[in-house]
Protein backbone atom coordinates (compact mmCIF):
# COMPACT_ATOMS: atom_id res chain seq x y z
CA UNK A 1 -0.18 -0.16 -0.02
CA UNK A 2 1.18 3.27 -0.87
CA UNK A 3 -0.05 5.29 2.57
CA UNK A 4 -0.18 3.67 5.60
CA UNK A 5 -3.24 3.30 7.52
CA UNK A 6 -5.15 6.00 9.13
CA UNK A 7 -4.16 6.47 13.30
CA UNK A 8 -6.37 4.46 14.91
CA UNK A 9 -7.49 7.72 17.13
CA UNK A 10 -8.95 8.74 14.14
CA UNK A 11 -11.16 5.99 13.71
CA UNK A 12 -12.17 5.38 17.85
CA UNK A 13 -11.18 8.42 19.67
CA UNK A 14 -12.37 6.36 22.94
CA UNK A 15 -9.06 4.03 22.68
CA UNK A 16 -6.35 4.73 24.93
CA UNK A 17 -3.19 5.96 22.98
CA UNK A 18 -1.07 3.03 24.71
CA UNK A 19 -3.72 0.28 22.60
CA UNK A 20 -3.42 3.12 19.57
CA UNK A 21 0.49 2.94 19.50
CA UNK A 22 0.64 -1.47 20.44
CA UNK A 23 -1.44 -1.28 17.39
CA UNK A 24 0.05 0.68 14.98
CA UNK A 25 3.45 -0.85 15.54
CA UNK A 26 2.30 -4.18 14.75
CA UNK A 27 0.87 -2.82 11.65
CA UNK A 28 4.00 -1.04 10.28
CA UNK A 29 4.98 -1.09 6.84
CA UNK A 30 8.71 -2.22 7.32
CA UNK A 31 9.22 -5.28 9.22
CA UNK A 32 11.90 -3.92 11.56
CA UNK A 33 9.67 -1.53 12.59
CA UNK A 34 7.44 -4.34 13.99
CA UNK A 35 7.49 -6.06 17.57
CA UNK A 36 9.92 -9.03 16.53
CA UNK A 37 9.11 -11.65 18.65
CA UNK A 38 5.36 -11.82 21.62
CA UNK A 39 7.78 -10.93 24.47
CA UNK A 40 7.88 -7.36 23.21
CA UNK A 41 3.94 -7.51 22.48
CA UNK A 42 3.32 -8.92 25.33
CA UNK A 43 5.57 -6.41 27.22
CA UNK A 44 3.60 -3.49 25.85
CA UNK A 45 0.31 -4.96 26.71
CA UNK A 46 1.54 -5.72 30.00
CA UNK A 47 2.98 -1.95 30.84
CA UNK A 48 -0.62 -0.43 28.44
CA UNK A 49 -2.74 -2.87 31.23
CA UNK A 50 -0.61 -1.32 33.99
CA UNK A 51 -1.41 2.29 33.01
CA UNK A 52 -4.98 1.66 32.02
CA UNK A 53 -5.32 0.30 36.05
CA UNK A 54 -3.45 2.64 37.61
CA UNK A 55 -5.39 4.69 39.97
CA UNK A 56 -2.98 7.46 39.67
CA UNK A 57 -2.42 9.75 36.57
CA UNK A 58 0.46 7.97 33.70
CA UNK A 59 1.92 11.26 34.07
CA UNK A 60 2.47 10.60 37.64
CA UNK A 61 6.49 10.30 38.41
CA UNK A 62 5.46 7.63 40.38
CA UNK A 63 2.73 5.51 38.84
CA UNK A 64 3.66 2.33 38.36
CA UNK A 65 4.19 2.58 34.58
CA UNK A 66 6.41 5.26 34.29
CA UNK A 67 8.29 2.99 36.83
CA UNK A 68 8.37 -0.35 34.62
CA UNK A 69 8.89 2.39 32.01
CA UNK A 70 12.24 3.16 33.42
CA UNK A 71 13.34 0.00 34.26
CA UNK A 72 12.32 -1.21 30.78
CA UNK A 73 14.43 1.86 29.10
CA UNK A 74 17.54 0.70 31.27
CA UNK A 75 17.22 -2.77 30.61
CA UNK A 76 17.47 -1.93 26.85
CA UNK A 77 20.19 0.13 27.37
CA UNK A 78 21.91 -2.01 29.23
CA UNK A 79 21.17 -5.47 26.42
CA UNK A 80 23.12 -2.85 24.01
CA UNK A 81 25.83 -2.00 26.31
CA UNK A 82 26.17 -5.87 26.90
CA UNK A 83 26.30 -6.73 23.18
CA UNK A 84 28.22 -3.63 22.40
CA UNK A 85 30.98 -5.13 25.03
CA UNK A 86 30.11 -9.08 23.54
CA UNK A 87 31.18 -7.18 20.31
CA UNK A 88 34.50 -5.67 21.72
CA UNK A 89 35.51 -8.59 22.97
CA UNK A 90 35.47 -11.26 20.41
CA UNK A 91 37.27 -8.47 17.56
CA UNK A 92 40.05 -8.13 20.58
CA UNK A 93 39.77 -12.35 21.00
CA UNK A 94 40.31 -12.32 16.75
CA UNK A 95 43.42 -9.54 16.99
CA UNK A 96 44.98 -11.67 19.79
CA UNK A 97 44.83 -15.04 17.63
CA UNK A 98 46.29 -13.14 14.60
CA UNK A 99 49.09 -11.50 16.86
CA UNK A 100 49.56 -15.22 18.25
CA UNK A 101 49.85 -16.44 14.41
CA UNK A 102 51.95 -13.70 13.32
CA UNK A 103 53.97 -14.19 16.59
CA UNK A 104 54.97 -17.76 15.60
CA UNK A 105 55.13 -17.31 11.97
CA UNK A 106 58.44 -14.54 12.68
CA UNK A 107 59.28 -17.45 15.20
CA UNK A 108 59.65 -20.31 12.79
CA UNK A 109 61.13 -17.97 9.99
CA UNK A 110 63.48 -16.67 12.66
CA UNK A 111 64.26 -19.97 13.24
CA UNK A 112 64.44 -21.22 9.49
CA UNK A 113 66.93 -18.89 8.87
CA UNK A 114 69.36 -19.13 11.55
CA UNK A 115 69.84 -23.03 10.69
CA UNK A 116 70.10 -21.84 7.36
């Protein structure tokens, strides 16, 4: 389709914004913009449920919704940092093995030239 679907809030203004956001993300045109697995959808639905059932307003700093949203953001940041560290470690190990190989090759060349 050349045009994205109209926002759900246009069709039904009564729908909570959090539910509209979830459904619109599920309907995203590009796969990378959609949820990648059921766990992600489930987490968003749980947050929406907490937001909707919360006695305090979602804008309150102490709202369970806000706290869970902040914790989820922190977890994602830590997971990204962990992945970055893993990638760096993998690169360093590859470089270490290359250096060990080059050192070994240099020693073999030196021994060969020494015995000649």
